[in-house]
Amino acid sequence: MNAFLGELGKRFAERWLALLVLPGALFVAAVTIASVLGHRRALDAGALGAWIDRLAATQASGKTGIGVLVAAGVLTAAAAAGLGASALGYFVERLWTAEGRAWPLRPLARQRRRRWLRAQEQVRVRRTAVIRSAVPPNRADPQARAALREAMARCARTSLVPAERPTWIGDRLRAADVRVHHAYRVDLTAWWPTLWLAVPDSTRDELTRAHAAYRAAARLTAWGLLYLLLAGWWWPAAPVAAVTLATAVVRARATAEALAQLVEAAVDLHGREVAGLLGVEAAPGALDARTGAQVSALLRKDDLVAFDAGTLEFVPEQPRS
């Protein structure tokens, strides 16, 4: 047990150092340089060196207590900066998945919706051109078919489902919910706790790593925003912020795509297991819409009466005597 606790503490310390202290120390160093040099002497290495010499002379004068306090203050400031970036990263995650009903985000959601509708219209036009060029049947113009594939890919890059969220990430994560509902009548919100318990450890580990990578991209975005704020006092922080934010956006889109695909795959591969664990008899083969709807109603604690052509009918709650 002592060895286990020691190893656990070591890993926690390593993770704390990597996630909070090291990035925080870099940011504290940048803040210190910004306070010493400012805009006017932003790249004056001589002025920075002179300030470091004065600080070293203070340490060499025998005032060791001041050195200890400075070191402790630097570590505390680095940890505080890391915690602040983590908190800001949480709000970045919420912003990415916001519904866009409030005023600041509503115009972005409308713009994405219009862009998706234009892409969908291009798909319709290209599909009509392919159909008209198919004379005789199955002999469509290759150029028309290539144009259709390009239009479909452009529409999918905008959103796999009708765009409603102000960000691409929000629509991609929402698409996982919409797509499994269309395919299996699965209410992913109701399914997820049970599905999480039903999947094997290997699947759970993959989902955990994908979500951790997604959260790491949000934290990286938060660091970029902090450096952008610092650029108001020290302009060299601006290119650092630009590079950090560009990297964060690329990582965020990639990790959101991976997370959404893994969530859909978990339903595809283990949906029947959830139904079996709940005692719902499923038809042979893949998970079907009837079974998915029945399990969804069961997990929502709905009173299911009948299933007809993909539509559920429910018994209204009766007053208790």
Protein backbone atom coordinates (compact mmCIF):
# COMPACT_ATOMS: atom_id res chain seq x y z
CA MET A 1 0.00 0.00 0.00
CA ASN A 2 2.84 2.42 0.83
CA ALA A 3 4.44 1.72 -2.54
CA PHE A 4 1.12 2.29 -4.30
CA LEU A 5 0.50 5.58 -2.49
CA GLY A 6 4.06 6.67 -3.18
CA GLU A 7 3.71 5.97 -6.89
CA LEU A 8 0.32 7.71 -6.96
CA GLY A 9 1.79 10.78 -5.27
CA LYS A 10 4.71 10.79 -7.70
CA ARG A 11 2.40 10.68 -10.71
CA PHE A 12 0.19 13.40 -9.27
CA ALA A 13 3.23 15.60 -8.68
CA GLU A 14 4.48 15.01 -12.23
CA ARG A 15 1.06 15.82 -13.66
CA TRP A 16 0.75 18.93 -11.49
CA LEU A 17 4.20 20.06 -12.59
CA ALA A 18 3.50 19.48 -16.30
CA LEU A 19 0.00 20.97 -16.42
CA LEU A 20 0.27 23.89 -14.04
CA VAL A 21 3.74 24.86 -12.84
CA LEU A 22 5.82 24.73 -16.04
CA PRO A 23 3.36 26.62 -18.30
CA GLY A 24 2.64 28.95 -15.39
CA ALA A 25 6.35 29.59 -14.85
CA LEU A 26 6.76 30.56 -18.51
CA PHE A 27 3.83 32.94 -18.23
CA VAL A 28 5.17 34.43 -14.99
CA ALA A 29 8.53 34.96 -16.70
CA ALA A 30 6.79 36.72 -19.59
CA VAL A 31 4.84 38.91 -17.16
CA THR A 32 8.07 39.78 -15.34
CA ILE A 33 9.83 40.72 -18.58
CA ALA A 34 6.81 42.78 -19.63
CA SER A 35 6.85 44.68 -16.33
CA VAL A 36 10.59 45.38 -16.65
CA LEU A 37 10.79 46.31 -20.35
CA GLY A 38 7.30 47.35 -21.46
CA HIS A 39 6.52 48.40 -25.03
CA ARG A 40 9.28 50.96 -25.51
CA ARG A 41 12.14 48.61 -24.62
CA ALA A 42 10.41 45.37 -25.52
CA LEU A 43 13.52 43.73 -27.02
CA ASP A 44 16.20 45.52 -25.00
CA ALA A 45 18.29 42.57 -23.78
CA GLY A 46 20.73 44.95 -22.11
CA ALA A 47 18.08 46.46 -19.86
CA LEU A 48 16.85 43.00 -18.95
CA GLY A 49 20.38 41.84 -18.19
CA ALA A 50 20.99 44.88 -15.98
CA TRP A 51 17.83 44.14 -14.02
CA ILE A 52 18.90 40.50 -13.56
CA ASP A 53 22.36 41.67 -12.36
CA ARG A 54 20.77 43.94 -9.77
CA LEU A 55 18.57 41.09 -8.60
CA ALA A 56 21.59 38.75 -8.36
CA ALA A 57 23.53 41.40 -6.42
CA THR A 58 20.69 41.59 -3.95
CA GLN A 59 20.83 37.84 -3.47
CA ALA A 60 24.61 37.89 -3.06
CA SER A 61 24.48 40.57 -0.37
CA GLY A 62 23.52 37.99 2.22
CA LYS A 63 19.78 38.53 2.17
CA THR A 64 18.97 34.86 1.74
CA GLY A 65 15.52 35.32 3.22
CA ILE A 66 14.58 37.54 0.31
CA GLY A 67 15.75 34.88 -2.13
CA VAL A 68 13.63 32.23 -0.46
CA LEU A 69 10.60 34.49 -0.51
CA VAL A 70 11.16 35.31 -4.20
CA ALA A 71 11.46 31.61 -5.11
CA ALA A 72 8.32 30.78 -3.14
CA GLY A 73 6.50 33.68 -4.74
CA VAL A 74 7.49 32.55 -8.23
CA LEU A 75 6.25 29.00 -7.60
CA THR A 76 3.02 30.30 -6.10
CA ALA A 77 2.47 32.68 -8.99
CA ALA A 78 3.19 29.90 -11.51
CA ALA A 79 0.70 27.57 -9.83
CA ALA A 80 -1.87 30.37 -9.64
CA ALA A 81 -1.41 31.14 -13.33
CA GLY A 82 -1.85 27.45 -14.16
CA LEU A 83 -5.04 27.22 -12.09
CA GLY A 84 -6.32 30.38 -13.75
CA ALA A 85 -5.64 28.93 -17.20
CA SER A 86 -7.45 25.71 -16.23
CA ALA A 87 -10.47 27.69 -15.03
CA LEU A 88 -10.45 29.80 -18.19
CA GLY A 89 -10.16 26.59 -20.24
CA TYR A 90 -13.39 25.34 -18.65
CA PHE A 91 -15.20 28.46 -19.84
CA VAL A 92 -13.64 28.01 -23.29
CA GLU A 93 -15.15 24.51 -23.42
CA ARG A 94 -18.55 25.91 -22.48
CA LEU A 95 -18.20 28.59 -25.14
CA TRP A 96 -17.35 26.01 -27.82
CA THR A 97 -20.51 24.01 -27.07
CA ALA A 98 -22.83 26.96 -26.37
CA GLU A 99 -26.20 26.86 -28.12
CA GLY A 100 -25.94 30.39 -29.45
CA ARG A 101 -29.21 31.72 -28.11
CA ALA A 102 -27.68 34.72 -26.33
CA TRP A 103 -26.99 37.86 -28.33
CA PRO A 104 -23.17 37.72 -28.61
CA LEU A 105 -23.28 34.21 -30.10
CA ARG A 106 -26.58 34.33 -31.97
CA PRO A 107 -25.17 36.11 -35.08
CA LEU A 108 -22.40 33.49 -35.33
CA ALA A 109 -24.95 30.69 -35.16
CA ARG A 110 -27.04 32.34 -37.88
CA GLN A 111 -23.97 32.81 -40.07
CA ARG A 112 -23.03 29.15 -39.74
CA ARG A 113 -26.62 28.15 -40.49
CA ARG A 114 -26.67 30.24 -43.68
CA ARG A 115 -23.31 28.83 -44.73
CA TRP A 116 -24.55 25.28 -44.25
CA LEU A 117 -27.76 26.00 -46.19
CA ARG A 118 -25.73 27.39 -49.08
CA ALA A 119 -23.53 24.29 -49.09
CA GLN A 120 -26.62 22.06 -48.93
CA GLU A 121 -28.14 23.93 -51.87
CA GLN A 122 -24.97 23.32 -53.88
CA VAL A 123 -25.29 19.60 -53.10
CA ARG A 124 -28.88 19.64 -54.37
CA VAL A 125 -27.87 21.45 -57.56
CA ARG A 126 -24.93 19.09 -58.21
CA ARG A 127 -27.10 16.04 -57.53
CA THR A 128 -29.70 17.28 -60.02
CA ALA A 129 -26.94 17.77 -62.60
CA VAL A 130 -25.74 14.19 -62.05
CA ILE A 131 -29.26 12.81 -62.48
CA ARG A 132 -29.83 14.79 -65.67
CA SER A 133 -26.50 13.68 -67.11
CA ALA A 134 -27.24 10.00 -66.43
CA VAL A 135 -28.36 9.06 -69.96
CA PRO A 136 -28.33 6.10 -70.28
CA PRO A 137 -28.69 5.18 -66.57
CA ASN A 138 -25.51 4.61 -64.54
CA ARG A 139 -23.55 6.64 -67.12
CA ALA A 140 -23.44 9.99 -65.38
CA ASP A 141 -20.90 12.59 -66.48
CA PRO A 142 -17.67 11.98 -64.46
CA GLN A 143 -17.17 15.72 -64.06
CA ALA A 144 -20.69 16.11 -62.66
CA ARG A 145 -20.10 13.26 -60.21
CA ALA A 146 -16.78 14.80 -59.12
CA ALA A 147 -18.50 18.14 -58.59
CA LEU A 148 -21.17 16.42 -56.49
CA ARG A 149 -18.55 14.72 -54.31
CA GLU A 150 -16.77 18.04 -53.79
CA ALA A 151 -20.04 19.77 -52.85
CA MET A 152 -20.89 17.00 -50.39
CA ALA A 153 -17.42 17.19 -48.83
CA ARG A 154 -17.73 20.98 -48.51
CA CYS A 155 -21.09 20.61 -46.80
CA ALA A 156 -19.69 17.96 -44.44
CA ARG A 157 -16.75 20.21 -43.56
CA THR A 158 -19.22 22.89 -42.52
CA SER A 159 -21.35 20.50 -40.46
CA LEU A 160 -22.45 16.85 -40.66
CA VAL A 161 -25.94 17.87 -39.51
CA PRO A 162 -27.90 21.10 -39.98
CA ALA A 163 -25.72 23.75 -38.36
CA GLU A 164 -27.18 25.36 -35.25
CA ARG A 165 -24.26 26.18 -32.96
CA PRO A 166 -21.99 29.23 -33.25
CA THR A 167 -18.84 27.08 -33.47
CA TRP A 168 -17.75 24.15 -35.61
CA ILE A 169 -16.82 22.19 -32.49
CA GLY A 170 -20.27 22.64 -31.00
CA ASP A 171 -21.94 21.34 -34.15
CA ARG A 172 -19.51 18.42 -34.44
CA LEU A 173 -20.15 17.24 -30.90
CA ARG A 174 -23.89 17.78 -31.36
CA ALA A 175 -23.71 15.76 -34.58
CA ALA A 176 -22.75 12.65 -32.58
CA ASP A 177 -26.01 12.93 -30.65
CA VAL A 178 -28.10 13.67 -33.74
CA ARG A 179 -26.58 10.92 -35.87
CA VAL A 180 -27.05 8.10 -33.34
CA HIS A 181 -30.60 9.28 -32.76
CA HIS A 182 -31.37 9.19 -36.47
CA ALA A 183 -29.77 5.77 -36.86
CA TYR A 184 -30.97 4.02 -33.70
CA ARG A 185 -33.43 6.37 -31.95
CA VAL A 186 -30.84 6.59 -29.17
CA ASP A 187 -31.21 9.43 -26.67
CA LEU A 188 -27.49 9.83 -26.01
CA THR A 189 -28.00 12.00 -22.92
CA ALA A 190 -30.07 9.27 -21.27
CA TRP A 191 -27.88 6.46 -22.58
CA TRP A 192 -24.46 7.80 -21.65
CA PRO A 193 -24.17 6.83 -17.93
CA THR A 194 -25.33 3.27 -18.65
CA LEU A 195 -23.23 3.01 -21.79
CA TRP A 196 -20.17 4.20 -19.86
CA LEU A 197 -20.65 1.41 -17.34
CA ALA A 198 -21.28 -1.21 -20.02
CA VAL A 199 -18.27 -0.61 -22.28
CA PRO A 200 -15.01 -2.50 -21.56
CA ASP A 201 -12.04 -0.84 -19.89
CA SER A 202 -10.18 -0.45 -23.18
CA THR A 203 -13.03 1.57 -24.70
CA ARG A 204 -13.38 3.63 -21.54
CA ASP A 205 -9.65 4.40 -21.60
CA GLU A 206 -9.83 5.55 -25.23
CA LEU A 207 -12.76 7.83 -24.45
CA THR A 208 -10.98 9.21 -21.39
CA ARG A 209 -7.82 9.97 -23.39
CA ALA A 210 -9.83 11.63 -26.15
CA HIS A 211 -11.67 13.82 -23.66
CA ALA A 212 -8.40 14.69 -21.90
CA ALA A 213 -6.89 15.77 -25.23
CA TYR A 214 -9.97 17.89 -25.91
CA ARG A 215 -9.66 19.58 -22.51
CA ALA A 216 -5.94 20.11 -23.09
CA ALA A 217 -6.77 21.98 -26.31
CA ALA A 218 -9.15 24.19 -24.32
CA ARG A 219 -6.40 24.93 -21.78
CA LEU A 220 -4.00 25.77 -24.61
CA THR A 221 -6.60 28.20 -25.94
CA ALA A 222 -6.79 29.74 -22.48
CA TRP A 223 -3.01 30.24 -22.41
CA GLY A 224 -3.22 31.91 -25.81
CA LEU A 225 -5.87 34.30 -24.48
CA LEU A 226 -3.71 35.13 -21.46
CA TYR A 227 -0.73 35.91 -23.69
CA LEU A 228 -3.01 38.01 -25.87
CA LEU A 229 -3.99 39.98 -22.77
CA LEU A 230 -0.33 40.39 -21.87
CA ALA A 231 0.34 41.84 -25.33
CA GLY A 232 -1.32 45.03 -24.13
CA TRP A 233 1.78 45.67 -21.98
CA TRP A 234 4.50 43.88 -23.97
CA TRP A 235 4.00 43.55 -27.71
CA PRO A 236 6.24 40.44 -28.27
CA ALA A 237 3.53 38.48 -26.45
CA ALA A 238 1.23 39.08 -29.46
CA PRO A 239 3.01 36.66 -31.87
CA VAL A 240 3.26 34.11 -29.05
CA ALA A 241 -0.49 34.43 -28.54
CA ALA A 242 -1.16 34.12 -32.27
CA VAL A 243 0.89 30.93 -32.61
CA THR A 244 -0.62 29.45 -29.44
CA LEU A 245 -4.18 30.20 -30.49
CA ALA A 246 -3.66 28.87 -34.02
CA THR A 247 -2.21 25.64 -32.63
CA ALA A 248 -5.05 25.39 -30.12
CA VAL A 249 -7.71 25.77 -32.81
CA VAL A 250 -6.18 23.01 -34.93
CA ARG A 251 -5.87 20.70 -31.93
CA ALA A 252 -9.37 21.50 -30.70
CA ARG A 253 -10.98 20.60 -34.02
CA ALA A 254 -8.96 17.39 -34.29
CA THR A 255 -9.70 16.29 -30.73
CA ALA A 256 -13.39 17.15 -31.01
CA GLU A 257 -13.59 15.10 -34.20
CA ALA A 258 -11.86 12.15 -32.52
CA LEU A 259 -14.07 12.37 -29.43
CA ALA A 260 -17.28 12.53 -31.47
CA GLN A 261 -16.23 9.54 -33.59
CA LEU A 262 -15.39 7.50 -30.49
CA VAL A 263 -18.76 8.30 -28.91
CA GLU A 264 -20.59 7.17 -32.05
CA ALA A 265 -18.42 4.04 -32.24
CA ALA A 266 -19.23 3.20 -28.61
CA VAL A 267 -22.94 3.24 -29.42
CA ASP A 268 -22.40 1.26 -32.63
CA LEU A 269 -20.38 -1.46 -30.94
CA HIS A 270 -21.97 -1.69 -27.49
CA GLY A 271 -25.54 -0.52 -27.96
CA ARG A 272 -26.88 -4.09 -28.00
CA GLU A 273 -24.99 -4.83 -24.77
CA VAL A 274 -26.81 -1.97 -23.05
CA ALA A 275 -30.13 -3.32 -24.28
CA GLY A 276 -29.28 -6.82 -23.05
CA LEU A 277 -28.21 -5.58 -19.62
CA LEU A 278 -31.54 -3.80 -19.28
CA GLY A 279 -33.53 -6.86 -20.37
CA VAL A 280 -34.68 -5.41 -23.69
CA GLU A 281 -34.83 -8.10 -26.36
CA ALA A 282 -33.07 -6.95 -29.52
CA ALA A 283 -33.42 -8.27 -33.04
CA PRO A 284 -30.44 -10.19 -34.47
CA GLY A 285 -27.71 -8.08 -36.01
CA ALA A 286 -26.89 -4.47 -35.32
CA LEU A 287 -28.83 -2.25 -32.95
CA ASP A 288 -32.14 -1.30 -34.57
CA ALA A 289 -34.36 1.73 -34.11
CA ARG A 290 -37.07 -0.15 -32.23
CA THR A 291 -34.63 -1.42 -29.59
CA GLY A 292 -32.89 1.94 -29.33
CA ALA A 293 -36.18 3.73 -28.75
CA GLN A 294 -37.29 1.23 -26.14
CA VAL A 295 -34.01 1.52 -24.22
CA SER A 296 -34.14 5.32 -24.46
CA ALA A 297 -37.64 5.36 -23.02
CA LEU A 298 -36.58 2.98 -20.27
CA LEU A 299 -33.54 5.05 -19.31
CA ARG A 300 -35.59 8.25 -19.34
CA LYS A 301 -38.11 6.45 -17.09
CA ASP A 302 -40.88 7.03 -19.65
CA ASP A 303 -44.08 4.96 -19.64
CA LEU A 304 -43.81 3.25 -23.01
CA VAL A 305 -47.03 2.03 -24.67
CA ALA A 306 -46.29 1.30 -28.30
CA PHE A 307 -43.78 1.77 -31.05
CA ASP A 308 -44.97 2.49 -34.56
CA ALA A 309 -42.78 3.54 -37.49
CA GLY A 310 -40.18 5.15 -35.29
CA THR A 311 -42.68 7.05 -33.13
CA LEU A 312 -43.19 6.41 -29.43
CA GLU A 313 -46.51 6.82 -27.69
CA PHE A 314 -46.54 7.43 -23.98
CA VAL A 315 -49.10 6.98 -21.27
CA PRO A 316 -49.79 10.25 -19.48
CA GLU A 317 -49.00 10.12 -15.80
CA GLN A 318 -52.04 9.19 -13.78
CA PRO A 319 -52.83 11.02 -10.56
CA ARG A 320 -52.00 9.00 -7.49
CA SER A 321 -54.81 8.12 -5.13
